[in-house]
Each structure stands twice: as C-alpha cells, then as structure tokens.
Amino acid sequence: MPGQSKVSKRRGNILTIGLSVIVIAGISILLYSLGWLSISITKETYGSAGEGPFKQLSVYNAISSFDTGPNEIVKIKGTISSECQIGTWFKLKDENEEIFVDLKAVNIALPDRIGKTATVYGILKRRGLRCYLDGMQVEF
C-alpha cells in the first residue's frame, strides 16, 4: 500500500510470522496428542556391541550364576556407583549387587556419569573369585 509507513509494514510482517509460529506449534501439539507425531530422544552411546539379540541379566544374576557361554555378549542395566578419573572403568550397581566394568579393551573413556542409569553390553569374565564385565558398549 502506497500510504503505509515502514513501521506499519514491519509490524505486519512480525504479526504474520508470530501467527505462523503459533499455528505450527498448535498443529504439532495436536498431532502429538493424537499419536500421529512422535518425539524420539536420542540415546547417548559409547562403543559398539554389534547386532543382538543379547541375553539380559541383572547385576545380581550375572555375578551369582555366571552361566553365559564363552564370549557370549550380555546386557546389564544398573546405576554407575563409582568410576575411575579417566573413565576407562566403572562399577555398575543394581538393588542387590555391584559389578566391575572394564572398558580398556575397547578403548572407551566415559565422561563423569556417577549416579546415572546405564545399559552395558559386554562379556562376563572372571578374575580370581570375582566376576567382572569386559564392556563393549555403554548406553545412557
């Protein structure tokens, strides 16, 4: 419009952009609530254990039974209770037990994750009378 000032044109543009954002947000919320739109949260993964299926064990079952076959990859979920300063090993704990997880063989160094829930893939091994997990992959 010839008689419209620059300020009025800017206000009109800002209003149009603002309304567009509100409409897009509203449509996204509607689609999400109807289940037609999903939001996925990316897992934080270190290392790789390859393709499964993997035998899932609790920390307690891994330590008490130790019935996996040679070089069978297992999956254990728990909370990191302590870790080394470099991040090449940590202790994974569930309600009943704690297991040592060694990551040196696969050259993984984790940032500080004490208190975080983790899923660890690896091979159960024995060192003397103690069982430990030779970790291959860690997910948060």
C-alpha atoms as a PDB file:
ATOM      1  CA  MET A   1       0.000   0.000   0.000  1.00  0.00           C
ATOM      2  CA  PRO A   2       1.451   3.335  -1.017  1.00  0.00           C
ATOM      3  CA  GLY A   3       0.390   5.276   2.105  1.00  0.00           C
ATOM      4  CA  GLN A   4       1.643   2.671   4.615  1.00  0.00           C
ATOM      5  CA  SER A   5       4.753   3.539   6.625  1.00  0.00           C
ATOM      6  CA  LYS A   6       7.788   1.270   7.042  1.00  0.00           C
ATOM      7  CA  VAL A   7       6.925   0.739  10.708  1.00  0.00           C
ATOM      8  CA  SER A   8       3.438  -0.499   9.824  1.00  0.00           C
ATOM      9  CA  LYS A   9       4.863  -2.919   7.258  1.00  0.00           C
ATOM     10  CA  ARG A  10       7.315  -4.317   9.851  1.00  0.00           C
ATOM     11  CA  ARG A  11       4.534  -4.763  12.393  1.00  0.00           C
ATOM     12  CA  GLY A  12       2.501  -6.593   9.775  1.00  0.00           C
ATOM     13  CA  ASN A  13       5.419  -8.895   8.947  1.00  0.00           C
ATOM     14  CA  ILE A  14       6.127  -9.601  12.617  1.00  0.00           C
ATOM     15  CA  LEU A  15       2.446 -10.319  13.228  1.00  0.00           C
ATOM     16  CA  THR A  16       2.344 -12.724  10.261  1.00  0.00           C
ATOM     17  CA  ILE A  17       5.470 -14.580  11.442  1.00  0.00           C
ATOM     18  CA  GLY A  18       4.176 -14.765  15.023  1.00  0.00           C
ATOM     19  CA  LEU A  19       0.819 -16.174  13.929  1.00  0.00           C
ATOM     20  CA  SER A  20       2.562 -18.726  11.694  1.00  0.00           C
ATOM     21  CA  VAL A  21       4.682 -19.958  14.614  1.00  0.00           C
ATOM     22  CA  ILE A  22       1.605 -20.262  16.842  1.00  0.00           C
ATOM     23  CA  VAL A  23      -0.317 -22.199  14.181  1.00  0.00           C
ATOM     24  CA  ILE A  24       2.589 -24.594  13.524  1.00  0.00           C
ATOM     25  CA  ALA A  25       3.082 -25.171  17.274  1.00  0.00           C
ATOM     26  CA  GLY A  26      -0.649 -25.809  17.721  1.00  0.00           C
ATOM     27  CA  ILE A  27      -0.753 -28.307  14.858  1.00  0.00           C
ATOM     28  CA  SER A  28       2.337 -30.091  16.232  1.00  0.00           C
ATOM     29  CA  ILE A  29       0.769 -30.384  19.697  1.00  0.00           C
ATOM     30  CA  LEU A  30      -2.457 -31.708  18.190  1.00  0.00           C
ATOM     31  CA  LEU A  31      -0.645 -34.318  16.069  1.00  0.00           C
ATOM     32  CA  TYR A  32       1.461 -35.396  19.068  1.00  0.00           C
ATOM     33  CA  SER A  33      -1.592 -35.757  21.321  1.00  0.00           C
ATOM     34  CA  LEU A  34      -3.338 -37.878  18.664  1.00  0.00           C
ATOM     35  CA  GLY A  35      -0.277 -40.113  18.390  1.00  0.00           C
ATOM     36  CA  TRP A  36       0.420 -39.130  14.790  1.00  0.00           C
ATOM     37  CA  LEU A  37       3.664 -37.428  15.678  1.00  0.00           C
ATOM     38  CA  SER A  38       6.339 -38.935  17.898  1.00  0.00           C
ATOM     39  CA  ILE A  39       9.292 -37.318  19.546  1.00  0.00           C
ATOM     40  CA  SER A  40      12.305 -39.557  19.975  1.00  0.00           C
ATOM     41  CA  ILE A  41      15.057 -38.919  22.467  1.00  0.00           C
ATOM     42  CA  THR A  42      18.470 -39.934  21.214  1.00  0.00           C
ATOM     43  CA  LYS A  43      20.438 -42.300  23.419  1.00  0.00           C
ATOM     44  CA  GLU A  44      23.981 -41.431  24.317  1.00  0.00           C
ATOM     45  CA  THR A  45      26.063 -44.426  23.173  1.00  0.00           C
ATOM     46  CA  TYR A  46      29.757 -45.219  23.573  1.00  0.00           C
ATOM     47  CA  GLY A  47      31.342 -48.172  21.755  1.00  0.00           C
ATOM     48  CA  SER A  48      29.554 -50.896  19.784  1.00  0.00           C
ATOM     49  CA  ALA A  49      28.486 -54.434  20.656  1.00  0.00           C
ATOM     50  CA  GLY A  50      27.170 -55.257  17.196  1.00  0.00           C
ATOM     51  CA  GLU A  51      23.755 -56.747  16.495  1.00  0.00           C
ATOM     52  CA  GLY A  52      21.736 -58.672  19.108  1.00  0.00           C
ATOM     53  CA  PRO A  53      19.852 -60.391  20.474  1.00  0.00           C
ATOM     54  CA  PHE A  54      21.703 -60.156  23.765  1.00  0.00           C
ATOM     55  CA  LYS A  55      20.950 -62.063  26.946  1.00  0.00           C
ATOM     56  CA  GLN A  56      19.685 -59.558  29.527  1.00  0.00           C
ATOM     57  CA  LEU A  57      20.811 -60.107  33.115  1.00  0.00           C
ATOM     58  CA  SER A  58      20.584 -58.198  36.367  1.00  0.00           C
ATOM     59  CA  VAL A  59      23.866 -57.441  38.087  1.00  0.00           C
ATOM     60  CA  TYR A  60      22.951 -59.954  40.790  1.00  0.00           C
ATOM     61  CA  ASN A  61      22.194 -62.736  38.254  1.00  0.00           C
ATOM     62  CA  ALA A  62      25.378 -62.014  36.297  1.00  0.00           C
ATOM     63  CA  ILE A  63      27.514 -62.394  39.405  1.00  0.00           C
ATOM     64  CA  SER A  64      25.668 -65.270  41.069  1.00  0.00           C
ATOM     65  CA  SER A  65      25.026 -67.548  38.102  1.00  0.00           C
ATOM     66  CA  PHE A  66      27.783 -66.703  35.603  1.00  0.00           C
ATOM     67  CA  ASP A  67      26.165 -69.163  33.195  1.00  0.00           C
ATOM     68  CA  THR A  68      26.891 -67.482  29.891  1.00  0.00           C
ATOM     69  CA  GLY A  69      28.750 -69.301  27.187  1.00  0.00           C
ATOM     70  CA  PRO A  70      32.276 -68.352  26.156  1.00  0.00           C
ATOM     71  CA  ASN A  71      32.353 -64.899  24.589  1.00  0.00           C
ATOM     72  CA  GLU A  72      28.564 -64.522  24.836  1.00  0.00           C
ATOM     73  CA  ILE A  73      27.614 -60.839  24.920  1.00  0.00           C
ATOM     74  CA  VAL A  74      25.219 -59.946  27.738  1.00  0.00           C
ATOM     75  CA  LYS A  75      23.231 -56.803  28.504  1.00  0.00           C
ATOM     76  CA  ILE A  76      23.182 -55.465  32.078  1.00  0.00           C
ATOM     77  CA  LYS A  77      21.331 -52.388  33.317  1.00  0.00           C
ATOM     78  CA  GLY A  78      22.164 -50.538  36.520  1.00  0.00           C
ATOM     79  CA  THR A  79      23.414 -47.333  38.093  1.00  0.00           C
ATOM     80  CA  ILE A  80      27.029 -46.204  37.953  1.00  0.00           C
ATOM     81  CA  SER A  81      28.200 -46.114  41.566  1.00  0.00           C
ATOM     82  CA  SER A  82      31.864 -45.182  41.022  1.00  0.00           C
ATOM     83  CA  GLU A  83      34.317 -44.727  38.178  1.00  0.00           C
ATOM     84  CA  CYS A  84      37.949 -44.014  37.509  1.00  0.00           C
ATOM     85  CA  GLN A  85      39.059 -40.453  36.806  1.00  0.00           C
ATOM     86  CA  ILE A  86      39.964 -41.274  33.203  1.00  0.00           C
ATOM     87  CA  GLY A  87      36.667 -43.061  32.544  1.00  0.00           C
ATOM     88  CA  THR A  88      38.049 -46.442  31.422  1.00  0.00           C
ATOM     89  CA  TRP A  89      36.280 -48.457  34.140  1.00  0.00           C
ATOM     90  CA  PHE A  90      33.319 -48.081  36.476  1.00  0.00           C
ATOM     91  CA  LYS A  91      31.169 -50.061  38.894  1.00  0.00           C
ATOM     92  CA  LEU A  92      27.577 -50.814  37.929  1.00  0.00           C
ATOM     93  CA  LYS A  93      25.098 -51.403  40.730  1.00  0.00           C
ATOM     94  CA  ASP A  94      21.543 -52.678  40.995  1.00  0.00           C
ATOM     95  CA  GLU A  95      19.405 -53.205  44.115  1.00  0.00           C
ATOM     96  CA  ASN A  96      21.446 -56.221  45.278  1.00  0.00           C
ATOM     97  CA  GLU A  97      24.966 -56.261  43.840  1.00  0.00           C
ATOM     98  CA  GLU A  98      27.751 -54.335  42.137  1.00  0.00           C
ATOM     99  CA  ILE A  99      29.923 -55.422  39.199  1.00  0.00           C
ATOM    100  CA  PHE A 100      33.181 -54.019  37.865  1.00  0.00           C
ATOM    101  CA  VAL A 101      33.013 -52.931  34.183  1.00  0.00           C
ATOM    102  CA  ASP A 102      36.299 -52.638  32.286  1.00  0.00           C
ATOM    103  CA  LEU A 103      36.329 -50.535  29.083  1.00  0.00           C
ATOM    104  CA  LYS A 104      40.084 -50.501  28.376  1.00  0.00           C
ATOM    105  CA  ALA A 105      39.990 -53.322  25.803  1.00  0.00           C
ATOM    106  CA  VAL A 106      37.654 -51.363  23.516  1.00  0.00           C
ATOM    107  CA  ASN A 107      39.373 -48.032  24.129  1.00  0.00           C
ATOM    108  CA  ILE A 108      36.325 -46.228  25.553  1.00  0.00           C
ATOM    109  CA  ALA A 109      36.664 -43.377  28.043  1.00  0.00           C
ATOM    110  CA  LEU A 110      33.416 -42.115  29.559  1.00  0.00           C
ATOM    111  CA  PRO A 111      32.827 -38.637  30.931  1.00  0.00           C
ATOM    112  CA  ASP A 112      31.706 -38.409  34.571  1.00  0.00           C
ATOM    113  CA  ARG A 113      28.445 -40.382  34.889  1.00  0.00           C
ATOM    114  CA  ILE A 114      28.263 -41.334  38.584  1.00  0.00           C
ATOM    115  CA  GLY A 115      24.631 -41.782  39.629  1.00  0.00           C
ATOM    116  CA  LYS A 116      23.373 -42.215  36.041  1.00  0.00           C
ATOM    117  CA  THR A 117      21.475 -45.268  34.820  1.00  0.00           C
ATOM    118  CA  ALA A 118      23.384 -47.169  32.137  1.00  0.00           C
ATOM    119  CA  THR A 119      22.903 -50.233  29.975  1.00  0.00           C
ATOM    120  CA  VAL A 120      26.180 -52.041  29.396  1.00  0.00           C
ATOM    121  CA  TYR A 121      26.891 -54.703  26.774  1.00  0.00           C
ATOM    122  CA  GLY A 122      29.884 -56.940  27.257  1.00  0.00           C
ATOM    123  CA  ILE A 123      31.350 -60.345  28.042  1.00  0.00           C
ATOM    124  CA  LEU A 124      31.355 -61.725  31.580  1.00  0.00           C
ATOM    125  CA  LYS A 125      34.787 -62.857  32.776  1.00  0.00           C
ATOM    126  CA  ARG A 126      36.397 -63.989  35.999  1.00  0.00           C
ATOM    127  CA  ARG A 127      39.404 -62.516  37.738  1.00  0.00           C
ATOM    128  CA  GLY A 128      40.217 -64.801  40.627  1.00  0.00           C
ATOM    129  CA  LEU A 129      36.966 -65.384  42.512  1.00  0.00           C
ATOM    130  CA  ARG A 130      35.338 -62.181  41.253  1.00  0.00           C
ATOM    131  CA  CYS A 131      33.203 -61.780  38.158  1.00  0.00           C
ATOM    132  CA  TYR A 132      33.560 -58.658  36.018  1.00  0.00           C
ATOM    133  CA  LEU A 133      32.176 -57.370  32.723  1.00  0.00           C
ATOM    134  CA  ASP A 134      34.509 -56.688  29.825  1.00  0.00           C
ATOM    135  CA  GLY A 135      32.463 -53.817  28.418  1.00  0.00           C
ATOM    136  CA  MET A 136      31.920 -53.241  24.700  1.00  0.00           C
ATOM    137  CA  GLN A 137      29.097 -50.684  24.592  1.00  0.00           C
ATOM    138  CA  VAL A 138      27.530 -48.300  27.122  1.00  0.00           C
ATOM    139  CA  GLU A 139      24.182 -46.529  26.651  1.00  0.00           C
ATOM    140  CA  PHE A 140      22.664 -43.745  28.698  1.00  0.00           C
END
